[in-house]
Amino acid sequence: MKKIKILAGLACALFVFSSCEEKADDVITPSVSFAQVNPILKTNCSPCHATGGGAAFESRAKFVDNFNIAKNVASGILNRVNRDEGAAGFMPRGGSKLSASNIKTVSDWIASGLTEN
């Protein structure tokens, strides 16, 4: 009987300690929608990436205000804005690096599932 009490006590202690552990899976990503990301794109990307913009590649240029295209190129957007200013492929080309909060908003949009609204 004494062994059972000891085992039960150990099991309870193990449960208490394991339930207090932080787990990476428990990290909550804020829900961000395209409606929140689009103003960042309009402000920083429209000069080159909007219909009639300065970019020579019109097929990519239509992503501003187009959720489906933005969703398909989202990881590329994040890659480009995370590069160092002056690095090859840095965006916005000829502009300043996006603020950390704007980059986080784009990153959170991707992590939260690329939702439209």
PDB file of N, CA and C in Angstrom:
ATOM      1  N   MET A   1       0.821  -1.198   0.000  1.00  0.00           N
ATOM      2  CA  MET A   1       0.000   0.000   0.000  1.00  0.00           C
ATOM      3  C   MET A   1       0.863   1.260   0.000  1.00  0.00           C
ATOM      4  N   LYS A   2       1.994   1.198   0.725  1.00  0.00           N
ATOM      5  CA  LYS A   2       2.885   2.345   0.800  1.00  0.00           C
ATOM      6  C   LYS A   2       3.471   2.656  -0.585  1.00  0.00           C
ATOM      7  N   LYS A   3       3.795   1.606  -1.367  1.00  0.00           N
ATOM      8  CA  LYS A   3       4.349   1.798  -2.713  1.00  0.00           C
ATOM      9  C   LYS A   3       3.336   2.480  -3.627  1.00  0.00           C
ATOM     10  N   ILE A   4       2.080   2.122  -3.474  1.00  0.00           N
ATOM     11  CA  ILE A   4       1.032   2.726  -4.298  1.00  0.00           C
ATOM     12  C   ILE A   4       0.916   4.214  -3.987  1.00  0.00           C
ATOM     13  N   LYS A   5       0.968   4.588  -2.711  1.00  0.00           N
ATOM     14  CA  LYS A   5       0.886   6.000  -2.327  1.00  0.00           C
ATOM     15  C   LYS A   5       2.086   6.779  -2.875  1.00  0.00           C
ATOM     16  N   ILE A   6       3.259   6.176  -2.802  1.00  0.00           N
ATOM     17  CA  ILE A   6       4.458   6.842  -3.320  1.00  0.00           C
ATOM     18  C   ILE A   6       4.332   7.035  -4.835  1.00  0.00           C
ATOM     19  N   LEU A   7       3.917   5.995  -5.554  1.00  0.00           N
ATOM     20  CA  LEU A   7       3.742   6.089  -7.000  1.00  0.00           C
ATOM     21  C   LEU A   7       2.675   7.123  -7.365  1.00  0.00           C
ATOM     22  N   ALA A   8       1.596   7.141  -6.594  1.00  0.00           N
ATOM     23  CA  ALA A   8       0.531   8.112  -6.853  1.00  0.00           C
ATOM     24  C   ALA A   8       1.049   9.535  -6.624  1.00  0.00           C
ATOM     25  N   GLY A   9       1.825   9.720  -5.586  1.00  0.00           N
ATOM     26  CA  GLY A   9       2.407  11.030  -5.296  1.00  0.00           C
ATOM     27  C   GLY A   9       3.354  11.477  -6.403  1.00  0.00           C
ATOM     28  N   LEU A  10       4.186  10.547  -6.872  1.00  0.00           N
ATOM     29  CA  LEU A  10       5.099  10.861  -7.962  1.00  0.00           C
ATOM     30  C   LEU A  10       4.334  11.207  -9.239  1.00  0.00           C
ATOM     31  N   ALA A  11       3.274  10.476  -9.517  1.00  0.00           N
ATOM     32  CA  ALA A  11       2.466  10.739 -10.707  1.00  0.00           C
ATOM     33  C   ALA A  11       1.830  12.127 -10.628  1.00  0.00           C
ATOM     34  N   CYS A  12       1.327  12.493  -9.455  1.00  0.00           N
ATOM     35  CA  CYS A  12       0.731  13.826  -9.276  1.00  0.00           C
ATOM     36  C   CYS A  12       1.784  14.919  -9.448  1.00  0.00           C
ATOM     37  N   ALA A  13       2.964  14.708  -8.873  1.00  0.00           N
ATOM     38  CA  ALA A  13       4.039  15.701  -8.996  1.00  0.00           C
ATOM     39  C   ALA A  13       4.449  15.847 -10.459  1.00  0.00           C
ATOM     40  N   LEU A  14       4.571  14.724 -11.152  1.00  0.00           N
ATOM     41  CA  LEU A  14       4.933  14.762 -12.565  1.00  0.00           C
ATOM     42  C   LEU A  14       3.881  15.522 -13.373  1.00  0.00           C
ATOM     43  N   PHE A  15       2.622  15.297 -13.088  1.00  0.00           N
ATOM     44  CA  PHE A  15       1.541  15.986 -13.785  1.00  0.00           C
ATOM     45  C   PHE A  15       1.612  17.495 -13.542  1.00  0.00           C
ATOM     46  N   VAL A  16       1.821  17.889 -12.294  1.00  0.00           N
ATOM     47  CA  VAL A  16       1.879  19.305 -11.944  1.00  0.00           C
ATOM     48  C   VAL A  16       3.032  19.983 -12.668  1.00  0.00           C
ATOM     49  N   PHE A  17       4.218  19.359 -12.640  1.00  0.00           N
ATOM     50  CA  PHE A  17       5.380  19.974 -13.286  1.00  0.00           C
ATOM     51  C   PHE A  17       5.251  19.975 -14.802  1.00  0.00           C
ATOM     52  N   SER A  18       4.705  18.930 -15.367  1.00  0.00           N
ATOM     53  CA  SER A  18       4.597  18.896 -16.829  1.00  0.00           C
ATOM     54  C   SER A  18       3.548  19.873 -17.327  1.00  0.00           C
ATOM     55  N   SER A  19       2.523  20.140 -16.547  1.00  0.00           N
ATOM     56  CA  SER A  19       1.501  21.083 -16.988  1.00  0.00           C
ATOM     57  C   SER A  19       1.973  22.523 -16.879  1.00  0.00           C
ATOM     58  N   CYS A  20       3.079  22.759 -16.182  1.00  0.00           N
ATOM     59  CA  CYS A  20       3.618  24.108 -16.045  1.00  0.00           C
ATOM     60  C   CYS A  20       4.640  24.440 -17.125  1.00  0.00           C
ATOM     61  N   GLU A  21       5.055  23.454 -17.891  1.00  0.00           N
ATOM     62  CA  GLU A  21       6.052  23.686 -18.931  1.00  0.00           C
ATOM     63  C   GLU A  21       5.483  24.565 -20.029  1.00  0.00           C
ATOM     64  N   GLU A  22       6.339  25.441 -20.574  1.00  0.00           N
ATOM     65  CA  GLU A  22       5.944  26.196 -21.761  1.00  0.00           C
ATOM     66  C   GLU A  22       6.221  25.342 -22.971  1.00  0.00           C
ATOM     67  N   LYS A  23       5.311  25.339 -23.888  1.00  0.00           N
ATOM     68  CA  LYS A  23       5.467  24.556 -25.098  1.00  0.00           C
ATOM     69  C   LYS A  23       5.413  25.487 -26.293  1.00  0.00           C
ATOM     70  N   ALA A  24       6.284  25.243 -27.267  1.00  0.00           N
ATOM     71  CA  ALA A  24       6.326  26.080 -28.466  1.00  0.00           C
ATOM     72  C   ALA A  24       4.991  26.061 -29.201  1.00  0.00           C
ATOM     73  N   ASP A  25       4.262  24.947 -29.103  1.00  0.00           N
ATOM     74  CA  ASP A  25       2.981  24.839 -29.798  1.00  0.00           C
ATOM     75  C   ASP A  25       1.922  25.755 -29.195  1.00  0.00           C
ATOM     76  N   ASP A  26       2.165  26.226 -27.962  1.00  0.00           N
ATOM     77  CA  ASP A  26       1.188  27.061 -27.284  1.00  0.00           C
ATOM     78  C   ASP A  26       1.316  28.544 -27.652  1.00  0.00           C
ATOM     79  N   VAL A  27       2.308  28.887 -28.480  1.00  0.00           N
ATOM     80  CA  VAL A  27       2.497  30.274 -28.870  1.00  0.00           C
ATOM     81  C   VAL A  27       1.323  30.699 -29.754  1.00  0.00           C
ATOM     82  N   ILE A  28       0.736  31.815 -29.418  1.00  0.00           N
ATOM     83  CA  ILE A  28      -0.431  32.293 -30.156  1.00  0.00           C
ATOM     84  C   ILE A  28       0.006  33.385 -31.124  1.00  0.00           C
ATOM     85  N   THR A  29      -0.298  33.189 -32.383  1.00  0.00           N
ATOM     86  CA  THR A  29      -0.020  34.192 -33.400  1.00  0.00           C
ATOM     87  C   THR A  29      -1.264  35.050 -33.560  1.00  0.00           C
ATOM     88  N   PRO A  30      -1.102  36.375 -33.460  1.00  0.00           N
ATOM     89  CA  PRO A  30      -2.280  37.216 -33.630  1.00  0.00           C
ATOM     90  C   PRO A  30      -2.893  37.029 -35.016  1.00  0.00           C
ATOM     91  N   SER A  31      -4.198  37.093 -35.087  1.00  0.00           N
ATOM     92  CA  SER A  31      -4.889  36.968 -36.363  1.00  0.00           C
ATOM     93  C   SER A  31      -4.782  38.289 -37.115  1.00  0.00           C
ATOM     94  N   VAL A  32      -4.170  38.232 -38.279  1.00  0.00           N
ATOM     95  CA  VAL A  32      -3.989  39.424 -39.109  1.00  0.00           C
ATOM     96  C   VAL A  32      -4.601  39.124 -40.466  1.00  0.00           C
ATOM     97  N   SER A  33      -5.311  40.075 -41.023  1.00  0.00           N
ATOM     98  CA  SER A  33      -5.963  39.877 -42.313  1.00  0.00           C
ATOM     99  C   SER A  33      -5.291  40.733 -43.390  1.00  0.00           C
ATOM    100  N   PHE A  34      -5.612  40.416 -44.640  1.00  0.00           N
ATOM    101  CA  PHE A  34      -5.108  41.195 -45.768  1.00  0.00           C
ATOM    102  C   PHE A  34      -5.549  42.653 -45.651  1.00  0.00           C
ATOM    103  N   ALA A  35      -6.726  42.867 -45.084  1.00  0.00           N
ATOM    104  CA  ALA A  35      -7.221  44.234 -44.902  1.00  0.00           C
ATOM    105  C   ALA A  35      -6.259  45.047 -44.030  1.00  0.00           C
ATOM    106  N   GLN A  36      -5.546  44.383 -43.111  1.00  0.00           N
ATOM    107  CA  GLN A  36      -4.569  45.065 -42.267  1.00  0.00           C
ATOM    108  C   GLN A  36      -3.212  45.198 -42.964  1.00  0.00           C
ATOM    109  N   VAL A  37      -2.888  44.253 -43.836  1.00  0.00           N
ATOM    110  CA  VAL A  37      -1.605  44.254 -44.535  1.00  0.00           C
ATOM    111  C   VAL A  37      -1.642  45.188 -45.743  1.00  0.00           C
ATOM    112  N   ASN A  38      -2.775  45.286 -46.395  1.00  0.00           N
ATOM    113  CA  ASN A  38      -2.863  46.043 -47.646  1.00  0.00           C
ATOM    114  C   ASN A  38      -2.421  47.510 -47.523  1.00  0.00           C
ATOM    115  N   PRO A  39      -2.735  48.218 -46.441  1.00  0.00           N
ATOM    116  CA  PRO A  39      -2.231  49.599 -46.344  1.00  0.00           C
ATOM    117  C   PRO A  39      -0.696  49.659 -46.345  1.00  0.00           C
ATOM    118  N   ILE A  40      -0.059  48.650 -45.780  1.00  0.00           N
ATOM    119  CA  ILE A  40       1.410  48.591 -45.795  1.00  0.00           C
ATOM    120  C   ILE A  40       1.892  48.419 -47.229  1.00  0.00           C
ATOM    121  N   LEU A  41       1.224  47.527 -47.973  1.00  0.00           N
ATOM    122  CA  LEU A  41       1.589  47.293 -49.369  1.00  0.00           C
ATOM    123  C   LEU A  41       1.351  48.548 -50.203  1.00  0.00           C
ATOM    124  N   LYS A  42       0.207  49.191 -49.988  1.00  0.00           N
ATOM    125  CA  LYS A  42      -0.113  50.393 -50.764  1.00  0.00           C
ATOM    126  C   LYS A  42       0.916  51.492 -50.538  1.00  0.00           C
ATOM    127  N   THR A  43       1.260  51.699 -49.290  1.00  0.00           N
ATOM    128  CA  THR A  43       2.198  52.771 -48.958  1.00  0.00           C
ATOM    129  C   THR A  43       3.602  52.494 -49.466  1.00  0.00           C
ATOM    130  N   ASN A  44       4.046  51.254 -49.325  1.00  0.00           N
ATOM    131  CA  ASN A  44       5.445  50.937 -49.590  1.00  0.00           C
ATOM    132  C   ASN A  44       5.708  50.265 -50.931  1.00  0.00           C
ATOM    133  N   CYS A  45       4.691  49.689 -51.530  1.00  0.00           N
ATOM    134  CA  CYS A  45       4.906  48.877 -52.729  1.00  0.00           C
ATOM    135  C   CYS A  45       4.243  49.444 -53.983  1.00  0.00           C
ATOM    136  N   SER A  46       3.202  50.234 -53.804  1.00  0.00           N
ATOM    137  CA  SER A  46       2.451  50.765 -54.944  1.00  0.00           C
ATOM    138  C   SER A  46       3.271  51.542 -55.957  1.00  0.00           C
ATOM    139  N   PRO A  47       4.279  52.311 -55.530  1.00  0.00           N
ATOM    140  CA  PRO A  47       5.004  53.080 -56.544  1.00  0.00           C
ATOM    141  C   PRO A  47       5.546  52.213 -57.687  1.00  0.00           C
ATOM    142  N   CYS A  48       5.904  50.987 -57.397  1.00  0.00           N
ATOM    143  CA  CYS A  48       6.415  50.099 -58.452  1.00  0.00           C
ATOM    144  C   CYS A  48       5.481  48.935 -58.768  1.00  0.00           C
ATOM    145  N   HIS A  49       4.709  48.505 -57.791  1.00  0.00           N
ATOM    146  CA  HIS A  49       3.936  47.275 -57.946  1.00  0.00           C
ATOM    147  C   HIS A  49       2.429  47.494 -58.020  1.00  0.00           C
ATOM    148  N   ALA A  50       2.001  48.514 -58.679  1.00  0.00           N
ATOM    149  CA  ALA A  50       0.576  48.718 -58.926  1.00  0.00           C
ATOM    150  C   ALA A  50       0.396  48.925 -60.420  1.00  0.00           C
ATOM    151  N   THR A  51      -0.759  48.599 -60.910  1.00  0.00           N
ATOM    152  CA  THR A  51      -1.012  48.813 -62.327  1.00  0.00           C
ATOM    153  C   THR A  51      -0.673  50.254 -62.672  1.00  0.00           C
ATOM    154  N   GLY A  52       0.179  50.420 -63.666  1.00  0.00           N
ATOM    155  CA  GLY A  52       0.624  51.758 -64.040  1.00  0.00           C
ATOM    156  C   GLY A  52       1.819  52.231 -63.242  1.00  0.00           C
ATOM    157  N   GLY A  53       2.328  51.381 -62.312  1.00  0.00           N
ATOM    158  CA  GLY A  53       3.497  51.745 -61.518  1.00  0.00           C
ATOM    159  C   GLY A  53       4.764  51.704 -62.354  1.00  0.00           C
ATOM    160  N   GLY A  54       5.886  51.984 -61.729  1.00  0.00           N
ATOM    161  CA  GLY A  54       7.147  52.074 -62.435  1.00  0.00           C
ATOM    162  C   GLY A  54       7.778  50.741 -62.800  1.00  0.00           C
ATOM    163  N   ALA A  55       7.312  49.635 -62.251  1.00  0.00           N
ATOM    164  CA  ALA A  55       7.926  48.341 -62.531  1.00  0.00           C
ATOM    165  C   ALA A  55       7.618  47.902 -63.955  1.00  0.00           C
ATOM    166  N   ALA A  56       8.583  47.265 -64.573  1.00  0.00           N
ATOM    167  CA  ALA A  56       8.410  46.814 -65.949  1.00  0.00           C
ATOM    168  C   ALA A  56       7.671  45.488 -66.029  1.00  0.00           C
ATOM    169  N   PHE A  57       7.442  44.858 -64.913  1.00  0.00           N
ATOM    170  CA  PHE A  57       6.804  43.544 -64.916  1.00  0.00           C
ATOM    171  C   PHE A  57       5.361  43.649 -64.437  1.00  0.00           C
ATOM    172  N   GLU A  58       4.472  43.993 -65.335  1.00  0.00           N
ATOM    173  CA  GLU A  58       3.059  44.228 -65.020  1.00  0.00           C
ATOM    174  C   GLU A  58       2.376  43.019 -64.393  1.00  0.00           C
ATOM    175  N   SER A  59       2.772  41.792 -64.762  1.00  0.00           N
ATOM    176  CA  SER A  59       2.073  40.630 -64.214  1.00  0.00           C
ATOM    177  C   SER A  59       2.236  40.568 -62.696  1.00  0.00           C
ATOM    178  N   ARG A  60       3.391  40.959 -62.172  1.00  0.00           N
ATOM    179  CA  ARG A  60       3.577  40.993 -60.727  1.00  0.00           C
ATOM    180  C   ARG A  60       3.044  42.284 -60.133  1.00  0.00           C
ATOM    181  N   ALA A  61       2.908  43.282 -60.933  1.00  0.00           N
ATOM    182  CA  ALA A  61       2.572  44.608 -60.446  1.00  0.00           C
ATOM    183  C   ALA A  61       1.147  44.730 -59.932  1.00  0.00           C
ATOM    184  N   LYS A  62       0.307  43.783 -60.218  1.00  0.00           N
ATOM    185  CA  LYS A  62      -1.099  43.912 -59.852  1.00  0.00           C
ATOM    186  C   LYS A  62      -1.426  43.371 -58.464  1.00  0.00           C
ATOM    187  N   PHE A  63      -0.400  42.984 -57.662  1.00  0.00           N
ATOM    188  CA  PHE A  63      -0.717  42.379 -56.377  1.00  0.00           C
ATOM    189  C   PHE A  63      -1.275  43.355 -55.360  1.00  0.00           C
ATOM    190  N   VAL A  64      -0.985  44.629 -55.462  1.00  0.00           N
ATOM    191  CA  VAL A  64      -1.532  45.586 -54.516  1.00  0.00           C
ATOM    192  C   VAL A  64      -3.045  45.650 -54.752  1.00  0.00           C
ATOM    193  N   ASP A  65      -3.806  45.473 -53.708  1.00  0.00           N
ATOM    194  CA  ASP A  65      -5.270  45.402 -53.740  1.00  0.00           C
ATOM    195  C   ASP A  65      -5.807  44.089 -54.289  1.00  0.00           C
ATOM    196  N   ASN A  66      -4.958  43.131 -54.600  1.00  0.00           N
ATOM    197  CA  ASN A  66      -5.434  41.841 -55.087  1.00  0.00           C
ATOM    198  C   ASN A  66      -5.026  40.765 -54.087  1.00  0.00           C
ATOM    199  N   PHE A  67      -5.957  40.351 -53.257  1.00  0.00           N
ATOM    200  CA  PHE A  67      -5.693  39.385 -52.198  1.00  0.00           C
ATOM    201  C   PHE A  67      -5.074  38.095 -52.726  1.00  0.00           C
ATOM    202  N   ASN A  68      -5.633  37.527 -53.789  1.00  0.00           N
ATOM    203  CA  ASN A  68      -5.148  36.229 -54.275  1.00  0.00           C
ATOM    204  C   ASN A  68      -3.702  36.289 -54.756  1.00  0.00           C
ATOM    205  N   ILE A  69      -3.351  37.345 -55.446  1.00  0.00           N
ATOM    206  CA  ILE A  69      -1.963  37.475 -55.900  1.00  0.00           C
ATOM    207  C   ILE A  69      -1.049  37.727 -54.708  1.00  0.00           C
ATOM    208  N   ALA A  70      -1.441  38.612 -53.808  1.00  0.00           N
ATOM    209  CA  ALA A  70      -0.625  38.899 -52.624  1.00  0.00           C
ATOM    210  C   ALA A  70      -0.400  37.630 -51.811  1.00  0.00           C
ATOM    211  N   LYS A  71      -1.444  36.824 -51.670  1.00  0.00           N
ATOM    212  CA  LYS A  71      -1.334  35.567 -50.923  1.00  0.00           C
ATOM    213  C   LYS A  71      -0.294  34.650 -51.565  1.00  0.00           C
ATOM    214  N   ASN A  72      -0.288  34.598 -52.891  1.00  0.00           N
ATOM    215  CA  ASN A  72       0.644  33.713 -53.596  1.00  0.00           C
ATOM    216  C   ASN A  72       2.088  34.181 -53.539  1.00  0.00           C
ATOM    217  N   VAL A  73       2.315  35.470 -53.335  1.00  0.00           N
ATOM    218  CA  VAL A  73       3.687  35.972 -53.300  1.00  0.00           C
ATOM    219  C   VAL A  73       4.109  36.417 -51.895  1.00  0.00           C
ATOM    220  N   ALA A  74       3.302  36.099 -50.890  1.00  0.00           N
ATOM    221  CA  ALA A  74       3.534  36.582 -49.528  1.00  0.00           C
ATOM    222  C   ALA A  74       4.908  36.221 -48.976  1.00  0.00           C
ATOM    223  N   SER A  75       5.333  34.972 -49.143  1.00  0.00           N
ATOM    224  CA  SER A  75       6.637  34.602 -48.581  1.00  0.00           C
ATOM    225  C   SER A  75       7.759  35.348 -49.294  1.00  0.00           C
ATOM    226  N   GLY A  76       7.583  35.616 -50.593  1.00  0.00           N
ATOM    227  CA  GLY A  76       8.567  36.408 -51.322  1.00  0.00           C
ATOM    228  C   GLY A  76       8.615  37.843 -50.832  1.00  0.00           C
ATOM    229  N   ILE A  77       7.439  38.395 -50.525  1.00  0.00           N
ATOM    230  CA  ILE A  77       7.372  39.758 -49.984  1.00  0.00           C
ATOM    231  C   ILE A  77       8.154  39.803 -48.678  1.00  0.00           C
ATOM    232  N   LEU A  78       7.886  38.852 -47.800  1.00  0.00           N
ATOM    233  CA  LEU A  78       8.537  38.825 -46.492  1.00  0.00           C
ATOM    234  C   LEU A  78      10.044  38.672 -46.651  1.00  0.00           C
ATOM    235  N   ASN A  79      10.462  37.827 -47.569  1.00  0.00           N
ATOM    236  CA  ASN A  79      11.886  37.642 -47.821  1.00  0.00           C
ATOM    237  C   ASN A  79      12.534  38.950 -48.266  1.00  0.00           C
ATOM    238  N   ARG A  80      11.899  39.652 -49.176  1.00  0.00           N
ATOM    239  CA  ARG A  80      12.473  40.887 -49.726  1.00  0.00           C
ATOM    240  C   ARG A  80      12.546  42.009 -48.692  1.00  0.00           C
ATOM    241  N   VAL A  81      11.508  42.172 -47.880  1.00  0.00           N
ATOM    242  CA  VAL A  81      11.513  43.274 -46.912  1.00  0.00           C
ATOM    243  C   VAL A  81      12.407  42.984 -45.712  1.00  0.00           C
ATOM    244  N   ASN A  82      12.772  41.733 -45.516  1.00  0.00           N
ATOM    245  CA  ASN A  82      13.673  41.383 -44.417  1.00  0.00           C
ATOM    246  C   ASN A  82      15.147  41.508 -44.784  1.00  0.00           C
ATOM    247  N   ARG A  83      15.450  41.705 -46.050  1.00  0.00           N
ATOM    248  CA  ARG A  83      16.855  41.863 -46.464  1.00  0.00           C
ATOM    249  C   ARG A  83      17.394  43.207 -45.968  1.00  0.00           C
ATOM    250  N   ASP A  84      18.712  43.297 -45.891  1.00  0.00           N
ATOM    251  CA  ASP A  84      19.345  44.551 -45.497  1.00  0.00           C
ATOM    252  C   ASP A  84      19.196  45.581 -46.615  1.00  0.00           C
ATOM    253  N   GLU A  85      19.033  46.847 -46.224  1.00  0.00           N
ATOM    254  CA  GLU A  85      18.957  47.914 -47.228  1.00  0.00           C
ATOM    255  C   GLU A  85      20.198  47.845 -48.102  1.00  0.00           C
ATOM    256  N   GLY A  86      20.000  47.951 -49.395  1.00  0.00           N
ATOM    257  CA  GLY A  86      21.101  47.910 -50.339  1.00  0.00           C
ATOM    258  C   GLY A  86      21.460  46.512 -50.815  1.00  0.00           C
ATOM    259  N   ALA A  87      20.960  45.482 -50.141  1.00  0.00           N
ATOM    260  CA  ALA A  87      21.231  44.106 -50.571  1.00  0.00           C
ATOM    261  C   ALA A  87      20.471  43.821 -51.859  1.00  0.00           C
ATOM    262  N   ALA A  88      20.996  42.894 -52.636  1.00  0.00           N
ATOM    263  CA  ALA A  88      20.322  42.511 -53.884  1.00  0.00           C
ATOM    264  C   ALA A  88      18.903  42.050 -53.569  1.00  0.00           C
ATOM    265  N   GLY A  89      17.948  42.583 -54.298  1.00  0.00           N
ATOM    266  CA  GLY A  89      16.553  42.181 -54.130  1.00  0.00           C
ATOM    267  C   GLY A  89      15.827  42.841 -52.974  1.00  0.00           C
ATOM    268  N   PHE A  90      16.490  43.741 -52.242  1.00  0.00           N
ATOM    269  CA  PHE A  90      15.840  44.424 -51.117  1.00  0.00           C
ATOM    270  C   PHE A  90      14.645  45.231 -51.623  1.00  0.00           C
ATOM    271  N   MET A  91      13.560  45.180 -50.866  1.00  0.00           N
ATOM    272  CA  MET A  91      12.381  45.981 -51.172  1.00  0.00           C
ATOM    273  C   MET A  91      11.983  46.741 -49.908  1.00  0.00           C
ATOM    274  N   PRO A  92      11.451  47.915 -50.066  1.00  0.00           N
ATOM    275  CA  PRO A  92      11.119  48.594 -51.307  1.00  0.00           C
ATOM    276  C   PRO A  92      12.369  49.168 -51.981  1.00  0.00           C
ATOM    277  N   ARG A  93      12.469  48.861 -53.252  1.00  0.00           N
ATOM    278  CA  ARG A  93      13.629  49.273 -54.034  1.00  0.00           C
ATOM    279  C   ARG A  93      13.781  50.792 -53.994  1.00  0.00           C
ATOM    280  N   GLY A  94      14.961  51.222 -53.610  1.00  0.00           N
ATOM    281  CA  GLY A  94      15.240  52.650 -53.532  1.00  0.00           C
ATOM    282  C   GLY A  94      14.610  53.322 -52.322  1.00  0.00           C
ATOM    283  N   GLY A  95      13.935  52.546 -51.475  1.00  0.00           N
ATOM    284  CA  GLY A  95      13.275  53.110 -50.301  1.00  0.00           C
ATOM    285  C   GLY A  95      13.945  52.665 -49.017  1.00  0.00           C
ATOM    286  N   SER A  96      13.348  53.044 -47.928  1.00  0.00           N
ATOM    287  CA  SER A  96      13.856  52.667 -46.612  1.00  0.00           C
ATOM    288  C   SER A  96      13.231  51.356 -46.169  1.00  0.00           C
ATOM    289  N   LYS A  97      13.930  50.659 -45.308  1.00  0.00           N
ATOM    290  CA  LYS A  97      13.433  49.406 -44.761  1.00  0.00           C
ATOM    291  C   LYS A  97      12.111  49.654 -44.034  1.00  0.00           C
ATOM    292  N   LEU A  98      11.185  48.730 -44.191  1.00  0.00           N
ATOM    293  CA  LEU A  98       9.914  48.821 -43.474  1.00  0.00           C
ATOM    294  C   LEU A  98      10.190  48.767 -41.975  1.00  0.00           C
ATOM    295  N   SER A  99       9.310  49.374 -41.209  1.00  0.00           N
ATOM    296  CA  SER A  99       9.456  49.331 -39.750  1.00  0.00           C
ATOM    297  C   SER A  99       9.306  47.888 -39.272  1.00  0.00           C
ATOM    298  N   ALA A 100       9.886  47.622 -38.126  1.00  0.00           N
ATOM    299  CA  ALA A 100       9.786  46.282 -37.537  1.00  0.00           C
ATOM    300  C   ALA A 100       8.320  45.903 -37.327  1.00  0.00           C
ATOM    301  N   SER A 101       7.497  46.873 -36.966  1.00  0.00           N
ATOM    302  CA  SER A 101       6.083  46.562 -36.734  1.00  0.00           C
ATOM    303  C   SER A 101       5.360  46.220 -38.031  1.00  0.00           C
ATOM    304  N   ASN A 102       5.695  46.889 -39.138  1.00  0.00           N
ATOM    305  CA  ASN A 102       5.087  46.545 -40.428  1.00  0.00           C
ATOM    306  C   ASN A 102       5.536  45.163 -40.897  1.00  0.00           C
ATOM    307  N   ILE A 103       6.818  44.855 -40.721  1.00  0.00           N
ATOM    308  CA  ILE A 103       7.315  43.528 -41.091  1.00  0.00           C
ATOM    309  C   ILE A 103       6.634  42.464 -40.246  1.00  0.00           C
ATOM    310  N   LYS A 104       6.449  42.735 -38.951  1.00  0.00           N
ATOM    311  CA  LYS A 104       5.772  41.777 -38.069  1.00  0.00           C
ATOM    312  C   LYS A 104       4.319  41.588 -38.505  1.00  0.00           C
ATOM    313  N   THR A 105       3.654  42.643 -38.917  1.00  0.00           N
ATOM    314  CA  THR A 105       2.268  42.526 -39.375  1.00  0.00           C
ATOM    315  C   THR A 105       2.191  41.600 -40.585  1.00  0.00           C
ATOM    316  N   VAL A 106       3.090  41.771 -41.548  1.00  0.00           N
ATOM    317  CA  VAL A 106       3.114  40.902 -42.729  1.00  0.00           C
ATOM    318  C   VAL A 106       3.423  39.472 -42.314  1.00  0.00           C
ATOM    319  N   SER A 107       4.395  39.298 -41.434  1.00  0.00           N
ATOM    320  CA  SER A 107       4.767  37.968 -40.947  1.00  0.00           C
ATOM    321  C   SER A 107       3.605  37.301 -40.213  1.00  0.00           C
ATOM    322  N   ASP A 108       2.924  38.061 -39.366  1.00  0.00           N
ATOM    323  CA  ASP A 108       1.768  37.521 -38.626  1.00  0.00           C
ATOM    324  C   ASP A 108       0.627  37.159 -39.573  1.00  0.00           C
ATOM    325  N   TRP A 109       0.460  37.927 -40.643  1.00  0.00           N
ATOM    326  CA  TRP A 109      -0.568  37.600 -41.642  1.00  0.00           C
ATOM    327  C   TRP A 109      -0.277  36.238 -42.262  1.00  0.00           C
ATOM    328  N   ILE A 110       0.965  36.016 -42.614  1.00  0.00           N
ATOM    329  CA  ILE A 110       1.362  34.728 -43.182  1.00  0.00           C
ATOM    330  C   ILE A 110       1.158  33.612 -42.160  1.00  0.00           C
ATOM    331  N   ALA A 111       1.636  33.833 -40.938  1.00  0.00           N
ATOM    332  CA  ALA A 111       1.530  32.805 -39.894  1.00  0.00           C
ATOM    333  C   ALA A 111       0.084  32.523 -39.497  1.00  0.00           C
ATOM    334  N   SER A 112      -0.794  33.510 -39.637  1.00  0.00           N
ATOM    335  CA  SER A 112      -2.190  33.287 -39.236  1.00  0.00           C
ATOM    336  C   SER A 112      -3.052  32.758 -40.364  1.00  0.00           C
ATOM    337  N   GLY A 113      -2.424  32.400 -41.485  1.00  0.00           N
ATOM    338  CA  GLY A 113      -3.163  31.694 -42.524  1.00  0.00           C
ATOM    339  C   GLY A 113      -3.542  32.498 -43.748  1.00  0.00           C
ATOM    340  N   LEU A 114      -2.956  33.692 -43.904  1.00  0.00           N
ATOM    341  CA  LEU A 114      -3.192  34.495 -45.111  1.00  0.00           C
ATOM    342  C   LEU A 114      -4.676  34.737 -45.362  1.00  0.00           C
ATOM    343  N   THR A 115      -5.352  35.226 -44.341  1.00  0.00           N
ATOM    344  CA  THR A 115      -6.791  35.471 -44.471  1.00  0.00           C
ATOM    345  C   THR A 115      -7.059  36.801 -45.164  1.00  0.00           C
ATOM    346  N   GLU A 116      -8.197  36.870 -45.821  1.00  0.00           N
ATOM    347  CA  GLU A 116      -8.547  38.079 -46.568  1.00  0.00           C
ATOM    348  C   GLU A 116      -9.154  39.147 -45.664  1.00  0.00           C
ATOM    349  N   ASN A 117     -10.109  38.766 -44.850  1.00  0.00           N
ATOM    350  CA  ASN A 117     -10.789  39.750 -43.975  1.00  0.00           C
ATOM    351  C   ASN A 117     -10.662  39.358 -42.538  1.00  0.00           C
TER     352      ASN A 117
END
